[in-house]
Amino acid sequence: MDVLAPLRPLRPSPVTAAGIGERARLTLLSAGYAASFLPSLALVILTLLCIPLGLVGAGFALALGVVPATAALTATHRRVSGRLLEEPIVAAYAPTAGTAVVVRPVRWLRDPARWRDFGFLCFSATGGFVMSLLPVALLTTPLTWLILALTAGEWVWLLLLLFSGPLLLVWWFVTEPLVRARARAERGILGHDRVAALAERVERVEESRAETLDHSAAEVRRIERDLHDGAQARIASVGMSVGLAEKLLQTDPQGAAALLREARETTMDALDDLRSVVRGIHPPVLADRGLAGAIEALAVALPVPVAVAVDVPRLPAPVESAAYFAVAECLANTTKHAAASRAWATGTYDGDRLRLVVGDDGRGGADAAGSGLTGVERRLAAFDGTLAVDSPAGGPTTVRMEVPCRIG
């Protein structure tokens, strides 16, 4: 019997072995919930002591033990209640990694998720304890009277046993609703607060927008620089050559012809520069063949063999462009740094989300905080996308990218 199996609505009748077994399982779960009364009460008292003792410094040391213990207890309840409700209950603690030990209690004090943990402790030590103890008491009281009636043999216990039927009837009806109510209450207390989640999302969107604007401004400056140093300079040179050729046309026809040949060659170079700039903005192959065809064309030009299996429909142009340049950056990293003998790129689309995977069999050690991958993450973040890098030392390297998008 899986004690942590998901909750299912129970019929109050008829009485069957399966129904009795399921209610017995839920009663065992209630006993486990009720058993958390003692650690919850102890942690409530210790947490409250941290505040006045913090004035003399001892509270900081006490918090270093109390807060992680509270997080461990609440993590267990998140896991249990999440499995019962078939809905993960996720904690959203403020990050403390890398912060000094003396600073962590201050960070914990300002973290709403830690205060939700404290609220759970109070609930578990009061109303939650009563809620979870009730099914256990309703079942064990008649059993206790039965044992006493059989062992003591007094008529009082037999009389009490006769009146235990209503207790078992109540146990039959209320066990499942009480366990479900306890699990939902814990989900409400320990779950990620919606207001906090929205605030965090708004903050991420603002950061992403600022980064996108910075990236766009940098791209505009790059395009201006490329045009100024490349095509614009060459076109100006063409104008000067044609002007000189016009002056030499009557006096030195051969010199004028040489200048015109030079102007023609310079014009071709200017066109190449313009094509290069356009490819940097939006590759023509992406507009013509879509994301799958563009990645295939990209892979052909690389010195490392790349297996491409991208099966996606035509997506909105901004998403295709972001995904293409993200894959291009990952494959460029493979070529420059991975020392790989082969690479691969796969892509799928399920109607709501574009998923791309780029990998290689190289030496690994890719850092998600590297400038190239940071740029990829920033580009995807503009579309609320994510990037995950798995690159242990010795390889292989796998970069997973997801971008939510819909067609039409």
Protein backbone atom coordinates (compact mmCIF):
# COMPACT_ATOMS: atom_id res chain seq x y z
CA MET A 1 0.00 0.00 0.00
CA ASP A 2 1.37 3.38 -1.03
CA VAL A 3 0.71 5.62 1.96
CA LEU A 4 1.36 8.75 -0.12
CA ALA A 5 -0.91 7.79 -3.01
CA PRO A 6 -2.99 10.70 -4.37
CA LEU A 7 -6.29 11.44 -2.69
CA ARG A 8 -9.44 10.18 -4.38
CA PRO A 9 -13.04 11.06 -3.40
CA LEU A 10 -14.41 8.23 -1.23
CA ARG A 11 -17.97 7.00 -1.31
CA PRO A 12 -19.57 6.98 2.13
CA SER A 13 -21.26 3.66 1.37
CA PRO A 14 -21.26 0.72 1.03
CA VAL A 15 -18.73 -0.49 3.56
CA THR A 16 -16.12 -2.52 1.72
CA ALA A 17 -12.68 -3.85 2.46
CA ALA A 18 -11.20 -1.37 -0.03
CA GLY A 19 -13.01 1.51 1.65
CA ILE A 20 -11.84 0.44 5.09
CA GLY A 21 -8.28 0.04 3.81
CA GLU A 22 -8.27 3.48 2.20
CA ARG A 23 -9.59 5.14 5.33
CA ALA A 24 -7.03 3.27 7.41
CA ARG A 25 -4.32 4.65 5.10
CA LEU A 26 -5.65 8.18 5.52
CA THR A 27 -5.82 7.72 9.27
CA LEU A 28 -2.17 6.71 9.24
CA LEU A 29 -1.42 9.85 7.25
CA SER A 30 -3.35 11.90 9.79
CA ALA A 31 -1.27 10.37 12.55
CA GLY A 32 1.85 11.47 10.71
CA TYR A 33 0.45 14.96 10.29
CA ALA A 34 -0.45 15.08 13.98
CA ALA A 35 3.02 13.87 14.96
CA SER A 36 4.49 17.07 13.50
CA PHE A 37 2.83 18.91 16.40
CA LEU A 38 5.85 18.45 18.67
CA PRO A 39 8.61 19.69 16.30
CA SER A 40 6.32 22.47 15.09
CA LEU A 41 5.61 23.68 18.62
CA ALA A 42 9.29 23.50 19.54
CA LEU A 43 10.29 25.46 16.43
CA VAL A 44 7.62 28.09 17.11
CA ILE A 45 9.02 28.68 20.58
CA LEU A 46 12.62 28.76 19.33
CA THR A 47 11.72 31.11 16.48
CA LEU A 48 10.06 33.52 18.88
CA LEU A 49 13.15 33.36 21.11
CA CYS A 50 15.37 34.34 18.17
CA ILE A 51 13.91 37.86 18.08
CA PRO A 52 14.66 39.03 21.65
CA LEU A 53 17.91 37.06 21.79
CA GLY A 54 18.95 38.73 18.55
CA LEU A 55 19.48 41.93 20.50
CA VAL A 56 22.40 40.30 22.32
CA GLY A 57 23.67 38.29 19.33
CA ALA A 58 22.60 34.86 20.57
CA GLY A 59 19.48 34.99 18.40
CA PHE A 60 21.59 34.99 15.23
CA ALA A 61 23.33 31.78 16.26
CA LEU A 62 20.00 30.22 17.23
CA ALA A 63 18.44 31.23 13.89
CA LEU A 64 21.22 29.43 12.01
CA GLY A 65 19.83 26.19 13.41
CA VAL A 66 16.13 26.98 13.68
CA VAL A 67 15.53 28.31 10.17
CA PRO A 68 17.13 25.35 8.30
CA ALA A 69 15.27 22.93 10.62
CA THR A 70 12.01 24.71 9.81
CA ALA A 71 12.82 24.54 6.08
CA ALA A 72 13.48 20.79 6.38
CA LEU A 73 10.16 20.21 8.18
CA THR A 74 8.18 22.30 5.71
CA ALA A 75 9.91 20.60 2.78
CA THR A 76 8.63 17.25 4.06
CA HIS A 77 5.09 18.60 4.33
CA ARG A 78 5.31 20.19 0.87
CA ARG A 79 6.34 16.84 -0.57
CA VAL A 80 3.64 14.85 1.25
CA SER A 81 0.77 17.28 0.63
CA GLY A 82 1.92 17.84 -2.94
CA ARG A 83 1.76 14.11 -3.67
CA LEU A 84 -1.66 13.78 -2.06
CA LEU A 85 -3.04 16.65 -4.15
CA GLU A 86 -1.02 15.72 -7.28
CA GLU A 87 0.21 19.28 -7.39
CA PRO A 88 3.79 20.27 -6.56
CA ILE A 89 4.07 22.79 -3.74
CA VAL A 90 7.13 24.87 -4.49
CA ALA A 91 9.05 26.98 -2.02
CA ALA A 92 10.34 30.34 -3.20
CA TYR A 93 12.99 31.35 -0.70
CA ALA A 94 15.13 34.40 -1.27
CA PRO A 95 18.61 33.23 -2.36
CA THR A 96 21.24 33.21 0.38
CA ALA A 97 24.03 31.30 -1.37
CA GLY A 98 27.28 33.20 -1.19
CA THR A 99 26.10 35.57 1.53
CA ALA A 100 27.97 35.90 4.81
CA VAL A 101 26.71 33.82 7.72
CA VAL A 102 25.95 36.87 9.83
CA VAL A 103 23.89 38.37 7.00
CA ARG A 104 21.64 35.34 6.45
CA PRO A 105 19.35 35.93 9.49
CA VAL A 106 18.65 39.43 8.23
CA ARG A 107 17.83 38.05 4.77
CA TRP A 108 15.59 35.42 6.36
CA LEU A 109 13.79 38.06 8.40
CA ARG A 110 12.86 39.94 5.22
CA ASP A 111 11.87 36.85 3.23
CA PRO A 112 8.05 36.35 2.92
CA ALA A 113 8.57 32.62 2.25
CA ARG A 114 10.24 32.20 5.66
CA TRP A 115 7.29 33.91 7.32
CA ARG A 116 4.97 31.48 5.52
CA ASP A 117 7.03 28.68 7.05
CA PHE A 118 6.48 30.24 10.47
CA GLY A 119 2.75 30.47 9.73
CA PHE A 120 2.77 26.77 8.94
CA LEU A 121 4.45 26.01 12.27
CA CYS A 122 1.70 27.89 14.10
CA PHE A 123 -0.99 26.08 12.09
CA SER A 124 0.62 22.68 12.64
CA ALA A 125 0.85 23.25 16.38
CA THR A 126 -2.79 24.40 16.77
CA GLY A 127 -5.67 23.90 14.35
CA GLY A 128 -3.77 21.51 12.10
CA PHE A 129 -2.99 19.26 15.06
CA VAL A 130 -6.67 19.08 16.07
CA MET A 131 -7.72 18.48 12.46
CA SER A 132 -5.29 15.58 12.04
CA LEU A 133 -5.82 14.09 15.50
CA LEU A 134 -9.58 13.75 15.03
CA PRO A 135 -9.56 10.77 12.57
CA VAL A 136 -7.00 8.99 14.74
CA ALA A 137 -9.09 9.54 17.89
CA LEU A 138 -12.33 8.47 16.19
CA LEU A 139 -10.77 5.15 15.16
CA THR A 140 -8.60 4.37 18.16
CA THR A 141 -11.16 5.19 20.88
CA PRO A 142 -13.53 2.27 20.02
CA LEU A 143 -10.53 -0.02 19.61
CA THR A 144 -9.25 1.03 23.01
CA TRP A 145 -12.66 0.33 24.61
CA LEU A 146 -12.75 -3.07 22.90
CA ILE A 147 -9.34 -4.02 24.29
CA LEU A 148 -10.33 -2.88 27.78
CA ALA A 149 -13.62 -4.75 27.56
CA LEU A 150 -11.82 -7.95 26.58
CA THR A 151 -9.06 -7.61 29.16
CA ALA A 152 -10.79 -5.94 32.12
CA GLY A 153 -14.16 -7.59 31.64
CA GLU A 154 -16.05 -4.76 33.34
CA TRP A 155 -19.54 -3.89 32.14
CA VAL A 156 -18.62 -0.20 31.88
CA TRP A 157 -16.25 -0.84 28.99
CA LEU A 158 -18.77 -3.08 27.31
CA LEU A 159 -21.34 -0.30 27.59
CA LEU A 160 -18.90 2.20 26.13
CA LEU A 161 -18.13 -0.24 23.33
CA LEU A 162 -21.82 -0.40 22.46
CA PHE A 163 -21.90 3.36 22.11
CA SER A 164 -18.78 3.44 19.89
CA GLY A 165 -20.77 2.85 16.71
CA PRO A 166 -21.45 6.56 16.12
CA LEU A 167 -17.72 7.30 16.48
CA LEU A 168 -16.88 4.80 13.76
CA LEU A 169 -19.67 6.23 11.58
CA VAL A 170 -18.23 9.73 11.96
CA TRP A 171 -14.74 8.34 11.22
CA TRP A 172 -16.08 6.75 8.03
CA PHE A 173 -17.48 10.05 6.78
CA VAL A 174 -14.93 12.68 7.89
CA THR A 175 -11.52 11.02 7.45
CA GLU A 176 -11.04 11.78 3.76
CA PRO A 177 -12.38 15.37 3.92
CA LEU A 178 -10.18 16.16 6.93
CA VAL A 179 -7.02 14.81 5.28
CA ARG A 180 -7.82 16.69 2.09
CA ALA A 181 -8.51 19.88 4.04
CA ARG A 182 -5.17 19.55 5.86
CA ALA A 183 -3.30 19.05 2.56
CA ARG A 184 -5.04 22.04 0.96
CA ALA A 185 -4.36 24.21 3.99
CA GLU A 186 -0.67 23.37 3.76
CA ARG A 187 -0.73 24.14 0.06
CA GLY A 188 -2.28 27.52 0.82
CA ILE A 189 0.25 28.32 3.55
CA LEU A 190 3.43 26.88 2.06
CA GLY A 191 2.75 27.43 -1.63
CA HIS A 192 4.33 30.27 -3.57
CA ASP A 193 2.24 33.33 -2.87
CA ARG A 194 0.53 34.55 -6.06
CA VAL A 195 1.17 38.19 -5.32
CA ALA A 196 4.84 37.47 -4.67
CA ALA A 197 4.98 35.36 -7.83
CA LEU A 198 3.48 38.19 -9.89
CA ALA A 199 5.88 40.69 -8.34
CA GLU A 200 8.80 38.40 -9.12
CA ARG A 201 7.58 37.94 -12.68
CA VAL A 202 7.20 41.70 -13.15
CA GLU A 203 10.73 42.18 -11.85
CA ARG A 204 12.06 39.58 -14.29
CA VAL A 205 10.16 41.22 -17.15
CA GLU A 206 11.58 44.62 -16.24
CA GLU A 207 15.11 43.22 -16.09
CA SER A 208 14.60 41.40 -19.37
CA ARG A 209 13.22 44.54 -21.01
CA ALA A 210 16.16 46.62 -19.82
CA GLU A 211 18.62 44.00 -21.05
CA THR A 212 16.79 43.72 -24.36
CA LEU A 213 16.87 47.47 -24.84
CA ASP A 214 20.60 47.51 -24.05
CA HIS A 215 21.15 44.65 -26.47
CA SER A 216 19.10 46.40 -29.16
CA ALA A 217 21.04 49.63 -28.67
CA ALA A 218 24.31 47.69 -28.97
CA GLU A 219 23.03 46.00 -32.14
CA VAL A 220 22.11 49.38 -33.64
CA ARG A 221 25.59 50.71 -32.85
CA ARG A 222 27.15 47.61 -34.38
CA ILE A 223 25.11 47.99 -37.57
CA GLU A 224 25.99 51.67 -37.80
CA ARG A 225 29.67 50.86 -37.29
CA ASP A 226 29.61 48.08 -39.90
CA LEU A 227 27.87 50.32 -42.42
CA HIS A 228 30.21 53.25 -41.72
CA ASP A 229 33.42 51.22 -41.86
CA GLY A 230 32.34 48.89 -44.64
CA ALA A 231 29.66 49.59 -47.21
CA GLN A 232 29.59 53.37 -46.73
CA ALA A 233 33.35 53.74 -47.13
CA ARG A 234 33.37 51.50 -50.19
CA ILE A 235 30.48 53.34 -51.83
CA ALA A 236 32.25 56.66 -51.21
CA SER A 237 35.34 55.16 -52.84
CA VAL A 238 33.22 54.11 -55.84
CA GLY A 239 31.97 57.67 -56.23
CA MET A 240 35.49 59.05 -56.17
CA SER A 241 36.73 56.47 -58.70
CA VAL A 242 33.86 57.17 -61.09
CA GLY A 243 34.48 60.92 -60.77
CA LEU A 244 38.18 60.51 -61.62
CA ALA A 245 37.33 58.18 -64.49
CA GLU A 246 34.98 60.80 -65.90
CA LYS A 247 37.77 63.36 -65.89
CA LEU A 248 40.27 60.96 -67.52
CA LEU A 249 37.85 59.63 -70.10
CA GLN A 250 39.05 62.04 -72.84
CA THR A 251 42.74 62.34 -71.92
CA ASP A 252 43.56 58.83 -70.58
CA PRO A 253 40.98 56.24 -71.64
CA GLN A 254 43.06 53.32 -70.27
CA GLY A 255 43.39 54.96 -66.87
CA ALA A 256 39.65 55.69 -66.84
CA ALA A 257 38.91 52.02 -67.67
CA ALA A 258 41.17 50.89 -64.80
CA LEU A 259 39.37 53.19 -62.42
CA LEU A 260 35.99 51.87 -63.58
CA ARG A 261 37.18 48.25 -63.06
CA GLU A 262 38.29 49.19 -59.57
CA ALA A 263 34.93 50.87 -58.95
CA ARG A 264 33.11 47.73 -60.09
CA GLU A 265 35.16 45.53 -57.75
CA THR A 266 34.59 47.95 -54.90
CA THR A 267 30.86 47.87 -55.64
CA MET A 268 30.85 44.07 -55.35
CA ASP A 269 32.70 44.33 -52.02
CA ALA A 270 30.15 46.88 -50.81
CA LEU A 271 27.33 44.49 -51.74
CA ASP A 272 29.05 41.72 -49.77
CA ASP A 273 29.29 44.04 -46.78
CA LEU A 274 25.62 44.90 -47.05
CA ARG A 275 24.67 41.22 -47.28
CA SER A 276 26.75 40.54 -44.19
CA VAL A 277 24.97 43.29 -42.28
CA VAL A 278 21.56 42.02 -43.42
CA ARG A 279 22.44 38.46 -42.38
CA GLY A 280 23.33 39.79 -38.95
CA ILE A 281 19.89 41.39 -38.65
CA HIS A 282 17.71 38.63 -40.12
CA PRO A 283 19.27 35.89 -42.28
CA PRO A 284 17.53 35.56 -45.65
CA VAL A 285 17.52 31.76 -45.32
CA LEU A 286 15.46 32.14 -42.15
CA ALA A 287 12.83 34.13 -43.99
CA ASP A 288 12.85 31.72 -46.94
CA ARG A 289 13.06 28.30 -45.27
CA GLY A 290 12.03 28.84 -41.67
CA LEU A 291 13.86 27.84 -38.51
CA ALA A 292 14.45 24.20 -39.46
CA GLY A 293 15.92 25.04 -42.86
CA ALA A 294 18.01 27.89 -41.46
CA ILE A 295 19.58 25.65 -38.80
CA GLU A 296 20.31 23.00 -41.44
CA ALA A 297 22.00 25.62 -43.64
CA LEU A 298 23.94 26.86 -40.61
CA ALA A 299 25.13 23.35 -39.76
CA VAL A 300 26.42 22.68 -43.29
CA ALA A 301 28.91 25.53 -43.07
CA LEU A 302 30.47 24.39 -39.79
CA PRO A 303 33.72 22.41 -39.64
CA VAL A 304 32.22 20.00 -37.06
CA PRO A 305 29.66 17.43 -38.29
CA VAL A 306 26.26 18.47 -36.93
CA ALA A 307 23.21 16.19 -36.92
CA VAL A 308 20.08 18.30 -37.25
CA ALA A 309 16.60 17.04 -36.33
CA VAL A 310 14.42 20.14 -36.08
CA ASP A 311 10.73 19.51 -36.77
CA VAL A 312 8.87 22.76 -36.16
CA PRO A 313 6.33 24.76 -38.19
CA ARG A 314 6.76 28.36 -39.19
CA LEU A 315 6.77 30.44 -36.02
CA PRO A 316 6.48 34.20 -35.45
CA ALA A 317 9.46 35.94 -37.02
CA PRO A 318 10.86 37.40 -33.75
CA VAL A 319 10.80 33.95 -32.10
CA GLU A 320 12.43 32.32 -35.12
CA SER A 321 15.14 34.96 -35.17
CA ALA A 322 15.88 34.63 -31.44
CA ALA A 323 15.93 30.84 -31.64
CA TYR A 324 18.17 30.85 -34.73
CA PHE A 325 20.78 33.15 -33.21
CA ALA A 326 20.64 31.18 -29.94
CA VAL A 327 21.40 27.93 -31.79
CA ALA A 328 24.06 29.70 -33.87
CA GLU A 329 25.81 30.95 -30.72
CA CYS A 330 25.74 27.48 -29.14
CA LEU A 331 27.18 25.85 -32.27
CA ALA A 332 29.79 28.60 -32.53
CA ASN A 333 30.85 27.81 -28.95
CA THR A 334 31.12 24.16 -29.93
CA THR A 335 33.37 25.02 -32.85
CA LYS A 336 35.59 27.40 -30.88
CA HIS A 337 35.91 25.82 -27.46
CA ALA A 338 34.54 22.26 -27.21
CA ALA A 339 37.13 20.32 -29.28
CA ALA A 340 34.22 18.10 -30.29
CA SER A 341 34.14 15.45 -33.01
CA ARG A 342 30.41 15.82 -33.56
CA ALA A 343 27.45 17.94 -32.48
CA TRP A 344 23.70 17.84 -32.75
CA ALA A 345 20.71 20.16 -32.74
CA THR A 346 17.11 19.08 -32.19
CA GLY A 347 13.89 21.03 -32.01
CA THR A 348 10.22 20.33 -31.31
CA TYR A 349 7.08 22.39 -30.93
CA ASP A 350 3.98 21.21 -29.02
CA GLY A 351 1.65 24.08 -29.80
CA ASP A 352 2.61 26.14 -26.77
CA ARG A 353 6.36 25.88 -26.39
CA LEU A 354 9.38 25.67 -28.66
CA ARG A 355 12.06 23.32 -27.31
CA LEU A 356 15.60 23.30 -28.71
CA VAL A 357 18.55 21.16 -27.66
CA VAL A 358 22.12 21.74 -28.82
CA GLY A 359 24.86 19.36 -27.73
CA ASP A 360 28.31 18.04 -28.51
CA ASP A 361 30.70 15.30 -27.41
CA GLY A 362 33.47 17.73 -26.54
CA ARG A 363 35.43 18.30 -23.36
CA GLY A 364 32.60 20.01 -21.45
CA GLY A 365 33.08 22.63 -18.79
CA ALA A 366 30.82 25.18 -20.50
CA ASP A 367 29.84 27.96 -18.12
CA ALA A 368 26.28 29.28 -18.27
CA ALA A 369 27.64 32.58 -17.01
CA GLY A 370 29.97 32.91 -19.97
CA SER A 371 29.50 35.90 -22.20
CA GLY A 372 28.17 33.89 -25.15
CA LEU A 373 25.60 31.85 -23.21
CA THR A 374 24.65 34.89 -21.16
CA GLY A 375 23.78 36.63 -24.40
CA VAL A 376 21.70 33.64 -25.46
CA GLU A 377 19.87 33.63 -22.13
CA ARG A 378 19.23 37.35 -22.42
CA ARG A 379 17.91 36.97 -25.96
CA LEU A 380 15.52 34.19 -24.91
CA ALA A 381 14.45 36.00 -21.74
CA ALA A 382 12.91 38.71 -23.91
CA PHE A 383 10.32 36.06 -24.88
CA ASP A 384 10.07 34.60 -21.35
CA GLY A 385 12.28 31.75 -22.50
CA THR A 386 14.74 29.72 -20.44
CA LEU A 387 18.17 28.20 -20.93
CA ALA A 388 19.71 25.27 -19.03
CA VAL A 389 23.30 24.08 -19.47
CA ASP A 390 24.55 20.61 -18.54
CA SER A 391 28.29 20.46 -19.19
CA PRO A 392 30.31 18.36 -16.75
CA ALA A 393 34.08 18.26 -17.06
CA GLY A 394 34.94 15.76 -19.78
CA GLY A 395 31.64 16.32 -21.56
CA PRO A 396 29.25 15.94 -23.14
CA THR A 397 27.66 19.37 -23.23
CA THR A 398 23.90 19.80 -23.59
CA VAL A 399 22.15 23.16 -23.83
CA ARG A 400 18.36 23.10 -23.51
CA MET A 401 16.31 26.11 -24.55
CA GLU A 402 12.57 26.66 -24.24
CA VAL A 403 10.53 29.56 -25.60
CA PRO A 404 6.76 29.83 -25.02
CA CYS A 405 4.98 30.88 -28.19
CA ARG A 406 1.80 30.27 -30.11
CA ILE A 407 1.03 30.39 -33.80
CA GLY A 408 -1.64 32.76 -35.01
